[in-house]
C-alpha atoms as a PDB file:
ATOM      1  CA  UNK A   1     -11.004  11.016  19.220  1.00  0.00           C
ATOM      2  CA  UNK A   2      -9.724  12.706  16.137  1.00  0.00           C
ATOM      3  CA  UNK A   3      -8.797  10.688  13.336  1.00  0.00           C
ATOM      4  CA  UNK A   4      -5.752  11.547  11.120  1.00  0.00           C
ATOM      5  CA  UNK A   5      -5.134  10.127   7.965  1.00  0.00           C
ATOM      6  CA  UNK A   6      -2.293  10.775   5.437  1.00  0.00           C
ATOM      7  CA  UNK A   7      -2.613  11.671   1.766  1.00  0.00           C
ATOM      8  CA  UNK A   8      -1.844   8.294  -0.114  1.00  0.00           C
ATOM      9  CA  UNK A   9       1.707   9.091  -1.342  1.00  0.00           C
ATOM     10  CA  UNK A  10       2.730   9.759   2.258  1.00  0.00           C
ATOM     11  CA  UNK A  11       4.117   7.396   5.064  1.00  0.00           C
ATOM     12  CA  UNK A  12       1.054   6.270   7.670  1.00  0.00           C
ATOM     13  CA  UNK A  13       1.639   7.849  11.057  1.00  0.00           C
ATOM     14  CA  UNK A  14       4.187   5.746  13.334  1.00  0.00           C
ATOM     15  CA  UNK A  15       1.401   3.957  15.100  1.00  0.00           C
ATOM     16  CA  UNK A  16       0.117   2.629  12.168  1.00  0.00           C
ATOM     17  CA  UNK A  17       3.851   1.201  10.361  1.00  0.00           C
ATOM     18  CA  UNK A  18       3.054  -2.626   9.358  1.00  0.00           C
ATOM     19  CA  UNK A  19       5.130  -5.129  10.801  1.00  0.00           C
ATOM     20  CA  UNK A  20       5.404  -7.912   8.220  1.00  0.00           C
ATOM     21  CA  UNK A  21       6.051 -12.027   9.009  1.00  0.00           C
ATOM     22  CA  UNK A  22       9.640 -11.156   8.182  1.00  0.00           C
ATOM     23  CA  UNK A  23       9.956  -8.274  10.542  1.00  0.00           C
ATOM     24  CA  UNK A  24      10.141  -5.571   7.712  1.00  0.00           C
ATOM     25  CA  UNK A  25       8.155  -2.352   8.400  1.00  0.00           C
ATOM     26  CA  UNK A  26       5.992  -0.855   5.586  1.00  0.00           C
ATOM     27  CA  UNK A  27       5.450   2.659   6.395  1.00  0.00           C
ATOM     28  CA  UNK A  28       3.524   3.518   3.204  1.00  0.00           C
ATOM     29  CA  UNK A  29       1.997   2.166  -0.244  1.00  0.00           C
ATOM     30  CA  UNK A  30       5.210   2.332  -2.065  1.00  0.00           C
ATOM     31  CA  UNK A  31       7.007   0.400   0.717  1.00  0.00           C
ATOM     32  CA  UNK A  32       3.918  -2.128   0.408  1.00  0.00           C
ATOM     33  CA  UNK A  33       4.274  -2.503  -3.323  1.00  0.00           C
ATOM     34  CA  UNK A  34       8.184  -3.450  -2.919  1.00  0.00           C
ATOM     35  CA  UNK A  35       7.414  -5.898  -0.060  1.00  0.00           C
ATOM     36  CA  UNK A  36       4.997  -7.569  -1.773  1.00  0.00           C
ATOM     37  CA  UNK A  37       7.160  -8.019  -4.890  1.00  0.00           C
ATOM     38  CA  UNK A  38       9.910  -9.390  -2.923  1.00  0.00           C
ATOM     39  CA  UNK A  39       7.432 -11.729  -0.698  1.00  0.00           C
ATOM     40  CA  UNK A  40       7.460 -15.115  -0.806  1.00  0.00           C
ATOM     41  CA  UNK A  41       4.033 -16.689  -1.448  1.00  0.00           C
ATOM     42  CA  UNK A  42       3.577 -18.333   2.007  1.00  0.00           C
ATOM     43  CA  UNK A  43       4.616 -15.147   3.619  1.00  0.00           C
ATOM     44  CA  UNK A  44       1.850 -13.423   1.678  1.00  0.00           C
ATOM     45  CA  UNK A  45      -0.494 -16.135   3.343  1.00  0.00           C
ATOM     46  CA  UNK A  46       0.257 -15.080   6.846  1.00  0.00           C
ATOM     47  CA  UNK A  47      -1.287 -11.883   5.705  1.00  0.00           C
ATOM     48  CA  UNK A  48      -3.691 -12.926   3.476  1.00  0.00           C
ATOM     49  CA  UNK A  49      -6.029 -15.954   4.462  1.00  0.00           C
ATOM     50  CA  UNK A  50      -9.873 -16.893   4.996  1.00  0.00           C
ATOM     51  CA  UNK A  51     -11.590 -13.616   5.545  1.00  0.00           C
ATOM     52  CA  UNK A  52      -8.634 -12.077   6.660  1.00  0.00           C
ATOM     53  CA  UNK A  53      -6.351  -9.617   5.226  1.00  0.00           C
ATOM     54  CA  UNK A  54      -3.939  -7.648   6.797  1.00  0.00           C
ATOM     55  CA  UNK A  55      -3.401  -5.137   3.837  1.00  0.00           C
ATOM     56  CA  UNK A  56      -6.748  -4.044   3.497  1.00  0.00           C
ATOM     57  CA  UNK A  57      -7.039  -3.340   7.069  1.00  0.00           C
ATOM     58  CA  UNK A  58      -3.630  -1.420   7.218  1.00  0.00           C
ATOM     59  CA  UNK A  59      -4.953   0.837   3.904  1.00  0.00           C
ATOM     60  CA  UNK A  60      -8.178   1.447   6.042  1.00  0.00           C
ATOM     61  CA  UNK A  61      -6.359   2.343   9.654  1.00  0.00           C
ATOM     62  CA  UNK A  62      -3.474   4.300   8.124  1.00  0.00           C
ATOM     63  CA  UNK A  63      -5.115   5.646   4.783  1.00  0.00           C
ATOM     64  CA  UNK A  64      -8.797   5.811   5.989  1.00  0.00           C
ATOM     65  CA  UNK A  65      -9.397   4.905   2.133  1.00  0.00           C
ATOM     66  CA  UNK A  66     -12.509   2.678   2.295  1.00  0.00           C
ATOM     67  CA  UNK A  67     -12.555   2.118  -1.577  1.00  0.00           C
ATOM     68  CA  UNK A  68      -9.010   1.303  -1.808  1.00  0.00           C
ATOM     69  CA  UNK A  69      -9.202  -1.309   1.277  1.00  0.00           C
ATOM     70  CA  UNK A  70     -12.717  -3.173   0.088  1.00  0.00           C
ATOM     71  CA  UNK A  71     -10.654  -3.741  -3.520  1.00  0.00           C
ATOM     72  CA  UNK A  72      -7.863  -4.865  -1.732  1.00  0.00           C
ATOM     73  CA  UNK A  73      -9.841  -7.246   0.597  1.00  0.00           C
ATOM     74  CA  UNK A  74     -11.253  -8.761  -2.497  1.00  0.00           C
ATOM     75  CA  UNK A  75      -7.841  -9.500  -3.962  1.00  0.00           C
ATOM     76  CA  UNK A  76      -6.486 -12.957  -2.781  1.00  0.00           C
ATOM     77  CA  UNK A  77      -3.396 -13.163  -5.184  1.00  0.00           C
ATOM     78  CA  UNK A  78      -0.163 -11.481  -4.654  1.00  0.00           C
ATOM     79  CA  UNK A  79       0.374 -10.659  -8.696  1.00  0.00           C
ATOM     80  CA  UNK A  80      -3.030  -8.798  -8.868  1.00  0.00           C
ATOM     81  CA  UNK A  81      -2.613  -7.030  -5.277  1.00  0.00           C
ATOM     82  CA  UNK A  82       0.685  -5.242  -6.710  1.00  0.00           C
ATOM     83  CA  UNK A  83      -0.892  -4.645  -9.872  1.00  0.00           C
ATOM     84  CA  UNK A  84      -3.544  -2.836  -8.403  1.00  0.00           C
ATOM     85  CA  UNK A  85      -1.485  -0.891  -6.018  1.00  0.00           C
ATOM     86  CA  UNK A  86       0.935   0.203  -8.681  1.00  0.00           C
ATOM     87  CA  UNK A  87      -2.274   1.006 -10.917  1.00  0.00           C
ATOM     88  CA  UNK A  88      -3.603   3.293  -7.552  1.00  0.00           C
ATOM     89  CA  UNK A  89       0.152   5.010  -7.130  1.00  0.00           C
ATOM     90  CA  UNK A  90       0.696   5.642 -10.954  1.00  0.00           C
ATOM     91  CA  UNK A  91      -2.760   7.694 -11.113  1.00  0.00           C
ATOM     92  CA  UNK A  92      -2.182   9.625  -7.602  1.00  0.00           C
ATOM     93  CA  UNK A  93       1.107  10.447  -8.584  1.00  0.00           C
ATOM     94  CA  UNK A  94       0.218  11.289 -12.118  1.00  0.00           C
ATOM     95  CA  UNK A  95      -2.417  13.591 -10.839  1.00  0.00           C
ATOM     96  CA  UNK A  96      -0.136  15.245  -8.807  1.00  0.00           C
ATOM     97  CA  UNK A  97       2.662  15.717 -11.133  1.00  0.00           C
ATOM     98  CA  UNK A  98      -0.419  17.506 -13.263  1.00  0.00           C
ATOM     99  CA  UNK A  99      -1.223  19.864 -10.601  1.00  0.00           C
ATOM    100  CA  UNK A 100       2.647  21.074 -10.396  1.00  0.00           C
ATOM    101  CA  UNK A 101       3.624  18.836  -7.239  1.00  0.00           C
ATOM    102  CA  UNK A 102       7.064  17.875  -6.276  1.00  0.00           C
ATOM    103  CA  UNK A 103       8.634  16.121  -9.849  1.00  0.00           C
ATOM    104  CA  UNK A 104      11.945  15.379  -8.554  1.00  0.00           C
ATOM    105  CA  UNK A 105      10.324  13.459  -5.513  1.00  0.00           C
ATOM    106  CA  UNK A 106       8.045  10.965  -7.168  1.00  0.00           C
ATOM    107  CA  UNK A 107       9.459   7.702  -8.421  1.00  0.00           C
ATOM    108  CA  UNK A 108       7.702   5.843 -10.960  1.00  0.00           C
ATOM    109  CA  UNK A 109       6.056   2.645  -9.871  1.00  0.00           C
ATOM    110  CA  UNK A 110       7.753   0.697 -12.782  1.00  0.00           C
ATOM    111  CA  UNK A 111      11.032   1.352 -11.187  1.00  0.00           C
ATOM    112  CA  UNK A 112      10.231  -0.318  -8.160  1.00  0.00           C
ATOM    113  CA  UNK A 113      12.266  -3.588  -7.561  1.00  0.00           C
END
């Protein structure tokens, strides 16, 4: 079986979309940051409890990024998770910008709310 993973700024494959407890669908890391920012703490706890962390599993399955998945797995606080994910997205977007990527398509993470 061929493993197909997307770049961290792209949507995951449709079969890897994450459905949240409130029915919202997360297609990419930007969606996840926005959803986490708006998510009630009790809804966050539906996805992060005990040893379970749905967001870490989703990152591993959709992006094949073991390093980021491990970092997210260790986080049990919604605010800290948002901060980490914004930092990751900003870094990747900055790198893309510096390499001459699609400047007009990129959104600043700080504007996502």
